[in-house]
Amino acid sequence: MTVRNARSVLRSESLQFSANGAARARPLRAESGIHDSRIKVASYNIHLGIGRDGQFNPERIARVIAELDADVICLQEVERNSAGVDMLAYLSAASGFHGISGPTLSTPHGDYGNAILTRHLPGEVQRWDLSEPRREPRGAIAMLIHKGGCTMRMIATHLGLRPGERRCQIRKLMGFIHETGAMPTVLMGDVNEWFLWGRPVRWLHRHFKQTPSPATFPSGWPLFALDRIWVEPRHALQRISVHKSATARMASDHLPITATIDFAAEKVTTWTC
């Protein structure tokens, strides 16, 4: 996505969701294990819904999301396209999940950027501007959810293409995280870092501690760990894996990455659980 014929729609903002949200095409599935602090999350760059075959196929993306069976899915490259398809609205209706938008650009056809799908009712949502001058606007969504007596922060982001740009964006991101205080946190997204030893990744490891980094790109023959998940506190992370179904290998140029996490109260006594 280029910045030509597009404008940034990012600004620092926060909002509170109530239980009386807009009607959806499908009801949310019942939340099981109300006292269960375990949660499965995923990050997925959907490449505008365009697969490796060059076909725009939102239904294929919806099938991959259903296969993930995650509680929270962070999405990148989500847009309303020239055909009038609002991808977030479509995927929210198909999954029955709450949809949280995090647009970074406004194009002639509609908004483009990040999004979150969540099985659980979202609490406070903040949108953080990570943009750098003369580069494509970038941002992050920070969303609170409450599960199993625990307040958890989910952060979804998509970083820039140039190394210097990413370094500045990580500094901004860590600044927002420090300003908003310590709590059980999951940071996930397409960090566009091609090298496992790149400075932005090292800085994130320093704060969150190192996590597994399986390759997710390109989806047909994954070689690079562009899509990442970090968890704070680190011992809450149980498993990270890449979803490699036949549908996922064709639906986008990235494969989804998933993590299973347990923010059990007895394990996170110094936090807000």
C-alpha atoms as a PDB file:
ATOM      1  CA  MET A   1       0.000   0.000   0.000  1.00  0.00           C
ATOM      2  CA  THR A   2       1.450   3.364  -1.026  1.00  0.00           C
ATOM      3  CA  VAL A   3       0.655   6.774   0.392  1.00  0.00           C
ATOM      4  CA  ARG A   4      -0.266   8.195  -3.020  1.00  0.00           C
ATOM      5  CA  ASN A   5      -3.951   9.191  -3.212  1.00  0.00           C
ATOM      6  CA  ALA A   6      -4.343   8.327   0.441  1.00  0.00           C
ATOM      7  CA  ARG A   7      -4.263  10.240   3.671  1.00  0.00           C
ATOM      8  CA  SER A   8      -3.448   9.247   7.207  1.00  0.00           C
ATOM      9  CA  VAL A   9      -6.439   8.770   9.477  1.00  0.00           C
ATOM     10  CA  LEU A  10      -4.383   8.063  12.597  1.00  0.00           C
ATOM     11  CA  ARG A  11      -4.643   9.994  15.819  1.00  0.00           C
ATOM     12  CA  SER A  12      -4.251   9.081  19.444  1.00  0.00           C
ATOM     13  CA  GLU A  13      -7.654   8.113  20.746  1.00  0.00           C
ATOM     14  CA  SER A  14      -9.430   5.773  23.102  1.00  0.00           C
ATOM     15  CA  LEU A  15     -13.008   4.657  23.535  1.00  0.00           C
ATOM     16  CA  GLN A  16     -15.077   2.413  25.775  1.00  0.00           C
ATOM     17  CA  PHE A  17     -17.366  -0.283  24.401  1.00  0.00           C
ATOM     18  CA  SER A  18     -20.640  -1.107  26.096  1.00  0.00           C
ATOM     19  CA  ALA A  19     -22.556  -4.369  26.012  1.00  0.00           C
ATOM     20  CA  ASN A  20     -25.121  -2.803  23.683  1.00  0.00           C
ATOM     21  CA  GLY A  21     -23.162  -2.943  20.438  1.00  0.00           C
ATOM     22  CA  ALA A  22     -24.463  -2.956  16.889  1.00  0.00           C
ATOM     23  CA  ALA A  23     -26.396  -5.990  15.661  1.00  0.00           C
ATOM     24  CA  ARG A  24     -24.411  -8.669  13.840  1.00  0.00           C
ATOM     25  CA  ALA A  25     -25.252 -11.176  11.176  1.00  0.00           C
ATOM     26  CA  ARG A  26     -24.459 -14.037  13.555  1.00  0.00           C
ATOM     27  CA  PRO A  27     -24.594 -14.178  17.367  1.00  0.00           C
ATOM     28  CA  LEU A  28     -21.335 -14.530  19.238  1.00  0.00           C
ATOM     29  CA  ARG A  29     -20.595 -18.025  20.399  1.00  0.00           C
ATOM     30  CA  ALA A  30     -21.094 -18.521  24.120  1.00  0.00           C
ATOM     31  CA  GLU A  31     -17.974 -17.714  26.094  1.00  0.00           C
ATOM     32  CA  SER A  32     -16.938 -20.941  27.759  1.00  0.00           C
ATOM     33  CA  GLY A  33     -14.868 -21.164  30.927  1.00  0.00           C
ATOM     34  CA  ILE A  34     -15.746 -17.802  32.440  1.00  0.00           C
ATOM     35  CA  HIS A  35     -13.139 -18.428  35.180  1.00  0.00           C
ATOM     36  CA  ASP A  36     -10.556 -19.722  32.688  1.00  0.00           C
ATOM     37  CA  SER A  37      -7.583 -17.400  32.160  1.00  0.00           C
ATOM     38  CA  ARG A  38      -6.330 -19.341  29.120  1.00  0.00           C
ATOM     39  CA  ILE A  39      -6.642 -17.650  25.756  1.00  0.00           C
ATOM     40  CA  LYS A  40      -5.646 -18.413  22.162  1.00  0.00           C
ATOM     41  CA  VAL A  41      -4.576 -15.499  19.967  1.00  0.00           C
ATOM     42  CA  ALA A  42      -3.500 -15.165  16.355  1.00  0.00           C
ATOM     43  CA  SER A  43      -1.942 -12.605  14.019  1.00  0.00           C
ATOM     44  CA  TYR A  44      -2.733 -12.712  10.307  1.00  0.00           C
ATOM     45  CA  ASN A  45      -1.735 -10.419   7.445  1.00  0.00           C
ATOM     46  CA  ILE A  46      -4.596 -11.043   5.017  1.00  0.00           C
ATOM     47  CA  HIS A  47      -3.011  -9.180   2.053  1.00  0.00           C
ATOM     48  CA  LEU A  48      -6.278  -7.345   1.263  1.00  0.00           C
ATOM     49  CA  GLY A  49      -7.968 -10.722   0.787  1.00  0.00           C
ATOM     50  CA  ILE A  50      -5.866 -11.456  -2.310  1.00  0.00           C
ATOM     51  CA  GLY A  51      -4.372 -14.943  -2.408  1.00  0.00           C
ATOM     52  CA  ARG A  52      -1.290 -16.419  -4.024  1.00  0.00           C
ATOM     53  CA  ASP A  53      -3.408 -17.128  -7.098  1.00  0.00           C
ATOM     54  CA  GLY A  54      -4.073 -13.384  -7.509  1.00  0.00           C
ATOM     55  CA  GLN A  55      -7.760 -13.804  -6.710  1.00  0.00           C
ATOM     56  CA  PHE A  56      -9.668 -11.596  -4.271  1.00  0.00           C
ATOM     57  CA  ASN A  57     -11.534 -14.105  -2.116  1.00  0.00           C
ATOM     58  CA  PRO A  58     -12.775 -12.895   1.290  1.00  0.00           C
ATOM     59  CA  GLU A  59     -14.626 -16.159   1.895  1.00  0.00           C
ATOM     60  CA  ARG A  60     -11.281 -17.971   1.796  1.00  0.00           C
ATOM     61  CA  ILE A  61      -9.887 -15.637   4.476  1.00  0.00           C
ATOM     62  CA  ALA A  62     -12.988 -16.309   6.595  1.00  0.00           C
ATOM     63  CA  ARG A  63     -12.368 -20.061   6.304  1.00  0.00           C
ATOM     64  CA  VAL A  64      -8.811 -19.641   7.560  1.00  0.00           C
ATOM     65  CA  ILE A  65     -10.032 -17.562  10.512  1.00  0.00           C
ATOM     66  CA  ALA A  66     -12.555 -20.284  11.369  1.00  0.00           C
ATOM     67  CA  GLU A  67      -9.778 -22.894  11.209  1.00  0.00           C
ATOM     68  CA  LEU A  68      -7.706 -20.930  13.734  1.00  0.00           C
ATOM     69  CA  ASP A  69     -10.387 -21.238  16.443  1.00  0.00           C
ATOM     70  CA  ALA A  70      -8.729 -18.353  18.297  1.00  0.00           C
ATOM     71  CA  ASP A  71     -10.276 -15.992  20.841  1.00  0.00           C
ATOM     72  CA  VAL A  72      -8.538 -12.879  19.480  1.00  0.00           C
ATOM     73  CA  ILE A  73      -7.255 -12.433  15.904  1.00  0.00           C
ATOM     74  CA  CYS A  74      -5.175  -9.406  14.944  1.00  0.00           C
ATOM     75  CA  LEU A  75      -5.354  -8.583  11.242  1.00  0.00           C
ATOM     76  CA  GLN A  76      -3.187  -6.477   8.951  1.00  0.00           C
ATOM     77  CA  GLU A  77      -3.886  -5.049   5.470  1.00  0.00           C
ATOM     78  CA  VAL A  78      -7.632  -4.823   5.986  1.00  0.00           C
ATOM     79  CA  GLU A  79      -9.551  -2.477   3.693  1.00  0.00           C
ATOM     80  CA  ARG A  80     -12.801  -1.546   2.050  1.00  0.00           C
ATOM     81  CA  ASN A  81     -11.958  -2.080  -1.617  1.00  0.00           C
ATOM     82  CA  SER A  82     -13.103  -0.694  -4.955  1.00  0.00           C
ATOM     83  CA  ALA A  83     -15.715  -3.452  -5.232  1.00  0.00           C
ATOM     84  CA  GLY A  84     -17.378  -2.074  -2.107  1.00  0.00           C
ATOM     85  CA  VAL A  85     -16.390  -4.986   0.138  1.00  0.00           C
ATOM     86  CA  ASP A  86     -15.838  -3.927   3.754  1.00  0.00           C
ATOM     87  CA  MET A  87     -13.462  -6.709   4.789  1.00  0.00           C
ATOM     88  CA  LEU A  88     -13.702  -6.146   8.544  1.00  0.00           C
ATOM     89  CA  ALA A  89     -17.511  -6.079   8.475  1.00  0.00           C
ATOM     90  CA  TYR A  90     -17.529  -9.222   6.341  1.00  0.00           C
ATOM     91  CA  LEU A  91     -15.137 -11.148   8.597  1.00  0.00           C
ATOM     92  CA  SER A  92     -16.891  -9.970  11.753  1.00  0.00           C
ATOM     93  CA  ALA A  93     -20.232 -11.225  10.406  1.00  0.00           C
ATOM     94  CA  ALA A  94     -18.736 -14.495   9.154  1.00  0.00           C
ATOM     95  CA  SER A  95     -17.035 -15.269  12.482  1.00  0.00           C
ATOM     96  CA  GLY A  96     -19.627 -13.787  14.808  1.00  0.00           C
ATOM     97  CA  PHE A  97     -16.824 -11.870  16.545  1.00  0.00           C
ATOM     98  CA  HIS A  98     -16.655  -8.241  17.612  1.00  0.00           C
ATOM     99  CA  GLY A  99     -14.703  -6.231  15.022  1.00  0.00           C
ATOM    100  CA  ILE A 100     -12.356  -3.423  16.093  1.00  0.00           C
ATOM    101  CA  SER A 101     -10.990  -1.182  13.344  1.00  0.00           C
ATOM    102  CA  GLY A 102      -7.598   0.497  13.389  1.00  0.00           C
ATOM    103  CA  PRO A 103      -7.353   2.349  10.065  1.00  0.00           C
ATOM    104  CA  THR A 104      -4.071   3.989   9.137  1.00  0.00           C
ATOM    105  CA  LEU A 105      -4.982   5.283   5.669  1.00  0.00           C
ATOM    106  CA  SER A 106      -8.072   6.645   4.000  1.00  0.00           C
ATOM    107  CA  THR A 107      -8.206   5.837   0.272  1.00  0.00           C
ATOM    108  CA  PRO A 108     -10.793   6.818  -2.362  1.00  0.00           C
ATOM    109  CA  HIS A 109     -12.462   3.462  -1.695  1.00  0.00           C
ATOM    110  CA  GLY A 110     -12.413   3.497   2.115  1.00  0.00           C
ATOM    111  CA  ASP A 111     -10.182   2.873   5.100  1.00  0.00           C
ATOM    112  CA  TYR A 112      -7.135   0.610   5.190  1.00  0.00           C
ATOM    113  CA  GLY A 113      -5.052  -0.671   8.093  1.00  0.00           C
ATOM    114  CA  ASN A 114      -5.183  -2.923  11.140  1.00  0.00           C
ATOM    115  CA  ALA A 115      -8.118  -4.644  12.809  1.00  0.00           C
ATOM    116  CA  ILE A 116      -8.934  -7.009  15.656  1.00  0.00           C
ATOM    117  CA  LEU A 117     -11.583  -9.725  15.807  1.00  0.00           C
ATOM    118  CA  THR A 118     -12.440 -10.768  19.360  1.00  0.00           C
ATOM    119  CA  ARG A 119     -14.731 -13.448  20.742  1.00  0.00           C
ATOM    120  CA  HIS A 120     -14.826 -11.588  24.074  1.00  0.00           C
ATOM    121  CA  LEU A 121     -16.477  -8.242  24.674  1.00  0.00           C
ATOM    122  CA  PRO A 122     -13.791  -5.552  24.273  1.00  0.00           C
ATOM    123  CA  GLY A 123     -13.094  -3.107  27.063  1.00  0.00           C
ATOM    124  CA  GLU A 124     -11.136   0.087  26.497  1.00  0.00           C
ATOM    125  CA  VAL A 125      -9.613   0.455  23.032  1.00  0.00           C
ATOM    126  CA  GLN A 126      -6.743   2.808  22.163  1.00  0.00           C
ATOM    127  CA  ARG A 127      -5.264   3.557  18.754  1.00  0.00           C
ATOM    128  CA  TRP A 128      -1.605   4.560  18.755  1.00  0.00           C
ATOM    129  CA  ASP A 129       0.010   6.517  15.924  1.00  0.00           C
ATOM    130  CA  LEU A 130       3.424   5.063  15.002  1.00  0.00           C
ATOM    131  CA  SER A 131       3.828   6.992  11.737  1.00  0.00           C
ATOM    132  CA  GLU A 132       7.110   8.416  10.488  1.00  0.00           C
ATOM    133  CA  PRO A 133       7.433  11.409   8.110  1.00  0.00           C
ATOM    134  CA  ARG A 134       7.286  10.643   4.380  1.00  0.00           C
ATOM    135  CA  ARG A 135       6.502   6.992   5.002  1.00  0.00           C
ATOM    136  CA  GLU A 136       3.253   5.030   4.872  1.00  0.00           C
ATOM    137  CA  PRO A 137       1.278   5.779   8.052  1.00  0.00           C
ATOM    138  CA  ARG A 138       1.482   2.988  10.607  1.00  0.00           C
ATOM    139  CA  GLY A 139      -0.271   2.360  13.883  1.00  0.00           C
ATOM    140  CA  ALA A 140      -1.275  -0.041  16.629  1.00  0.00           C
ATOM    141  CA  ILE A 141      -4.506  -1.008  18.356  1.00  0.00           C
ATOM    142  CA  ALA A 142      -4.415  -1.649  22.110  1.00  0.00           C
ATOM    143  CA  MET A 143      -7.519  -3.423  23.408  1.00  0.00           C
ATOM    144  CA  LEU A 144      -8.392  -4.625  26.902  1.00  0.00           C
ATOM    145  CA  ILE A 145     -10.435  -7.751  27.491  1.00  0.00           C
ATOM    146  CA  HIS A 146     -11.534  -9.360  30.744  1.00  0.00           C
ATOM    147  CA  LYS A 147     -11.440 -13.134  31.067  1.00  0.00           C
ATOM    148  CA  GLY A 148     -11.147 -15.520  33.989  1.00  0.00           C
ATOM    149  CA  GLY A 149     -10.910 -12.654  36.479  1.00  0.00           C
ATOM    150  CA  CYS A 150      -7.965 -11.225  34.538  1.00  0.00           C
ATOM    151  CA  THR A 151      -7.587  -7.986  32.593  1.00  0.00           C
ATOM    152  CA  MET A 152      -5.458  -8.569  29.489  1.00  0.00           C
ATOM    153  CA  ARG A 153      -4.090  -6.083  26.964  1.00  0.00           C
ATOM    154  CA  MET A 154      -3.948  -7.124  23.302  1.00  0.00           C
ATOM    155  CA  ILE A 155      -1.774  -4.974  21.020  1.00  0.00           C
ATOM    156  CA  ALA A 156      -1.993  -5.372  17.237  1.00  0.00           C
ATOM    157  CA  THR A 157       0.448  -3.627  14.902  1.00  0.00           C
ATOM    158  CA  HIS A 158       2.029  -3.572  11.442  1.00  0.00           C
ATOM    159  CA  LEU A 159       5.454  -1.947  11.223  1.00  0.00           C
ATOM    160  CA  GLY A 160       7.159  -0.192   8.307  1.00  0.00           C
ATOM    161  CA  LEU A 161       9.404  -1.499   5.542  1.00  0.00           C
ATOM    162  CA  ARG A 162      12.631   0.370   6.294  1.00  0.00           C
ATOM    163  CA  PRO A 163      14.951  -0.513   9.211  1.00  0.00           C
ATOM    164  CA  GLY A 164      15.249   3.060  10.489  1.00  0.00           C
ATOM    165  CA  GLU A 165      11.492   3.464  10.322  1.00  0.00           C
ATOM    166  CA  ARG A 166      10.930   0.309  12.375  1.00  0.00           C
ATOM    167  CA  ARG A 167      13.434   1.416  15.012  1.00  0.00           C
ATOM    168  CA  CYS A 168      11.533   4.675  15.496  1.00  0.00           C
ATOM    169  CA  GLN A 169       8.212   2.829  15.593  1.00  0.00           C
ATOM    170  CA  ILE A 170       9.405   0.402  18.261  1.00  0.00           C
ATOM    171  CA  ARG A 171      10.589   3.314  20.403  1.00  0.00           C
ATOM    172  CA  LYS A 172       7.131   4.913  20.080  1.00  0.00           C
ATOM    173  CA  LEU A 173       5.388   1.605  20.760  1.00  0.00           C
ATOM    174  CA  MET A 174       7.414   0.936  23.901  1.00  0.00           C
ATOM    175  CA  GLY A 175       6.728   4.489  25.034  1.00  0.00           C
ATOM    176  CA  PHE A 176       2.973   3.916  24.779  1.00  0.00           C
ATOM    177  CA  ILE A 177       3.292   0.596  26.630  1.00  0.00           C
ATOM    178  CA  HIS A 178       5.241   2.203  29.488  1.00  0.00           C
ATOM    179  CA  GLU A 179       2.830   5.167  29.688  1.00  0.00           C
ATOM    180  CA  THR A 180      -0.234   2.938  30.014  1.00  0.00           C
ATOM    181  CA  GLY A 181       1.233   0.802  32.808  1.00  0.00           C
ATOM    182  CA  ALA A 182       2.138  -2.821  33.458  1.00  0.00           C
ATOM    183  CA  MET A 183      -0.456  -5.544  32.938  1.00  0.00           C
ATOM    184  CA  PRO A 184      -0.651  -8.959  31.233  1.00  0.00           C
ATOM    185  CA  THR A 185       0.062  -8.060  27.602  1.00  0.00           C
ATOM    186  CA  VAL A 186       0.191  -9.724  24.187  1.00  0.00           C
ATOM    187  CA  LEU A 187       1.942  -7.845  21.374  1.00  0.00           C
ATOM    188  CA  MET A 188       1.427  -9.319  17.913  1.00  0.00           C
ATOM    189  CA  GLY A 189       1.554  -8.352  14.286  1.00  0.00           C
ATOM    190  CA  ASP A 190       3.562  -8.117  11.099  1.00  0.00           C
ATOM    191  CA  VAL A 191       6.802  -6.477  12.245  1.00  0.00           C
ATOM    192  CA  ASN A 192       8.413  -6.636   8.777  1.00  0.00           C
ATOM    193  CA  GLU A 193      11.753  -7.568  10.355  1.00  0.00           C
ATOM    194  CA  TRP A 194      13.610  -9.880   7.974  1.00  0.00           C
ATOM    195  CA  PHE A 195      16.541 -10.530  10.311  1.00  0.00           C
ATOM    196  CA  LEU A 196      16.183 -12.366  13.615  1.00  0.00           C
ATOM    197  CA  TRP A 197      18.996 -10.214  15.049  1.00  0.00           C
ATOM    198  CA  GLY A 198      17.568  -6.852  13.915  1.00  0.00           C
ATOM    199  CA  ARG A 199      17.607  -4.107  16.544  1.00  0.00           C
ATOM    200  CA  PRO A 200      13.801  -3.717  16.795  1.00  0.00           C
ATOM    201  CA  VAL A 201      13.468  -7.437  17.562  1.00  0.00           C
ATOM    202  CA  ARG A 202      16.315  -7.291  20.099  1.00  0.00           C
ATOM    203  CA  TRP A 203      14.628  -4.365  21.839  1.00  0.00           C
ATOM    204  CA  LEU A 204      11.341  -6.262  22.035  1.00  0.00           C
ATOM    205  CA  HIS A 205      13.138  -9.332  23.379  1.00  0.00           C
ATOM    206  CA  ARG A 206      14.754  -7.127  26.037  1.00  0.00           C
ATOM    207  CA  HIS A 207      11.331  -6.014  27.293  1.00  0.00           C
ATOM    208  CA  PHE A 208       9.170  -9.112  26.692  1.00  0.00           C
ATOM    209  CA  LYS A 209      11.910 -11.808  26.688  1.00  0.00           C
ATOM    210  CA  GLN A 210      12.551 -13.948  23.642  1.00  0.00           C
ATOM    211  CA  THR A 211       9.766 -16.019  22.092  1.00  0.00           C
ATOM    212  CA  PRO A 212       9.813 -18.614  19.283  1.00  0.00           C
ATOM    213  CA  SER A 213       9.953 -17.140  15.787  1.00  0.00           C
ATOM    214  CA  PRO A 214       8.636 -19.646  13.205  1.00  0.00           C
ATOM    215  CA  ALA A 215       8.640 -18.548   9.558  1.00  0.00           C
ATOM    216  CA  THR A 216       5.344 -17.223   8.142  1.00  0.00           C
ATOM    217  CA  PHE A 217       6.351 -15.613   4.815  1.00  0.00           C
ATOM    218  CA  PRO A 218       5.945 -16.328   1.973  1.00  0.00           C
ATOM    219  CA  SER A 219       3.002 -18.609   2.649  1.00  0.00           C
ATOM    220  CA  GLY A 220       3.784 -21.089  -0.110  1.00  0.00           C
ATOM    221  CA  TRP A 221       7.315 -21.732   1.180  1.00  0.00           C
ATOM    222  CA  PRO A 222       7.826 -19.834   4.444  1.00  0.00           C
ATOM    223  CA  LEU A 223      11.381 -18.609   5.052  1.00  0.00           C
ATOM    224  CA  PHE A 224      11.031 -15.411   7.121  1.00  0.00           C
ATOM    225  CA  ALA A 225       9.536 -14.753  10.563  1.00  0.00           C
ATOM    226  CA  LEU A 226       7.774 -11.499   9.691  1.00  0.00           C
ATOM    227  CA  ASP A 227       4.752 -12.178  11.908  1.00  0.00           C
ATOM    228  CA  ARG A 228       5.534 -12.328  15.619  1.00  0.00           C
ATOM    229  CA  ILE A 229       3.926 -12.681  19.056  1.00  0.00           C
ATOM    230  CA  TRP A 230       5.379 -11.539  22.402  1.00  0.00           C
ATOM    231  CA  VAL A 231       3.795 -12.113  25.812  1.00  0.00           C
ATOM    232  CA  GLU A 232       4.300 -10.371  29.148  1.00  0.00           C
ATOM    233  CA  PRO A 233       4.897 -12.042  31.554  1.00  0.00           C
ATOM    234  CA  ARG A 234       6.849 -14.517  29.415  1.00  0.00           C
ATOM    235  CA  HIS A 235       5.987 -17.591  31.515  1.00  0.00           C
ATOM    236  CA  ALA A 236       2.314 -17.198  30.547  1.00  0.00           C
ATOM    237  CA  LEU A 237       3.164 -18.252  26.980  1.00  0.00           C
ATOM    238  CA  GLN A 238       2.475 -21.956  26.473  1.00  0.00           C
ATOM    239  CA  ARG A 239       2.851 -22.474  22.736  1.00  0.00           C
ATOM    240  CA  ILE A 240       3.493 -20.610  19.475  1.00  0.00           C
ATOM    241  CA  SER A 241       2.797 -22.223  16.104  1.00  0.00           C
ATOM    242  CA  VAL A 242       2.116 -21.401  12.458  1.00  0.00           C
ATOM    243  CA  HIS A 243      -1.169 -22.420  10.849  1.00  0.00           C
ATOM    244  CA  LYS A 244      -0.257 -24.234   7.611  1.00  0.00           C
ATOM    245  CA  SER A 245      -3.518 -25.576   6.184  1.00  0.00           C
ATOM    246  CA  ALA A 246      -3.934 -25.845   2.421  1.00  0.00           C
ATOM    247  CA  THR A 247      -6.414 -22.967   2.516  1.00  0.00           C
ATOM    248  CA  ALA A 248      -4.037 -20.765   4.536  1.00  0.00           C
ATOM    249  CA  ARG A 249      -1.203 -21.444   2.091  1.00  0.00           C
ATOM    250  CA  MET A 250      -3.322 -20.038  -0.750  1.00  0.00           C
ATOM    251  CA  ALA A 251      -5.480 -17.349   0.912  1.00  0.00           C
ATOM    252  CA  SER A 252      -2.722 -14.754   1.544  1.00  0.00           C
ATOM    253  CA  ASP A 253       1.003 -14.256   1.090  1.00  0.00           C
ATOM    254  CA  HIS A 254       1.434 -14.653   4.879  1.00  0.00           C
ATOM    255  CA  LEU A 255       0.556 -17.605   7.108  1.00  0.00           C
ATOM    256  CA  PRO A 256      -1.217 -16.926  10.427  1.00  0.00           C
ATOM    257  CA  ILE A 257       0.787 -17.316  13.630  1.00  0.00           C
ATOM    258  CA  THR A 258      -0.998 -18.436  16.823  1.00  0.00           C
ATOM    259  CA  ALA A 259      -0.186 -18.532  20.524  1.00  0.00           C
ATOM    260  CA  THR A 260      -1.774 -20.286  23.478  1.00  0.00           C
ATOM    261  CA  ILE A 261      -1.418 -18.277  26.692  1.00  0.00           C
ATOM    262  CA  ASP A 262      -2.443 -18.806  30.322  1.00  0.00           C
ATOM    263  CA  PHE A 263      -2.577 -15.702  32.481  1.00  0.00           C
ATOM    264  CA  ALA A 264      -3.485 -17.785  35.542  1.00  0.00           C
ATOM    265  CA  ALA A 265      -3.958 -15.656  38.660  1.00  0.00           C
ATOM    266  CA  GLU A 266      -1.689 -17.843  40.750  1.00  0.00           C
ATOM    267  CA  LYS A 267       1.131 -17.398  38.207  1.00  0.00           C
ATOM    268  CA  VAL A 268       0.770 -13.654  37.670  1.00  0.00           C
ATOM    269  CA  THR A 269       0.340 -12.453  41.231  1.00  0.00           C
ATOM    270  CA  THR A 270       2.214  -9.178  40.715  1.00  0.00           C
ATOM    271  CA  TRP A 271      -0.014  -8.125  37.803  1.00  0.00           C
ATOM    272  CA  THR A 272      -3.671  -7.154  37.488  1.00  0.00           C
ATOM    273  CA  CYS A 273      -5.190 -10.641  37.275  1.00  0.00           C
END
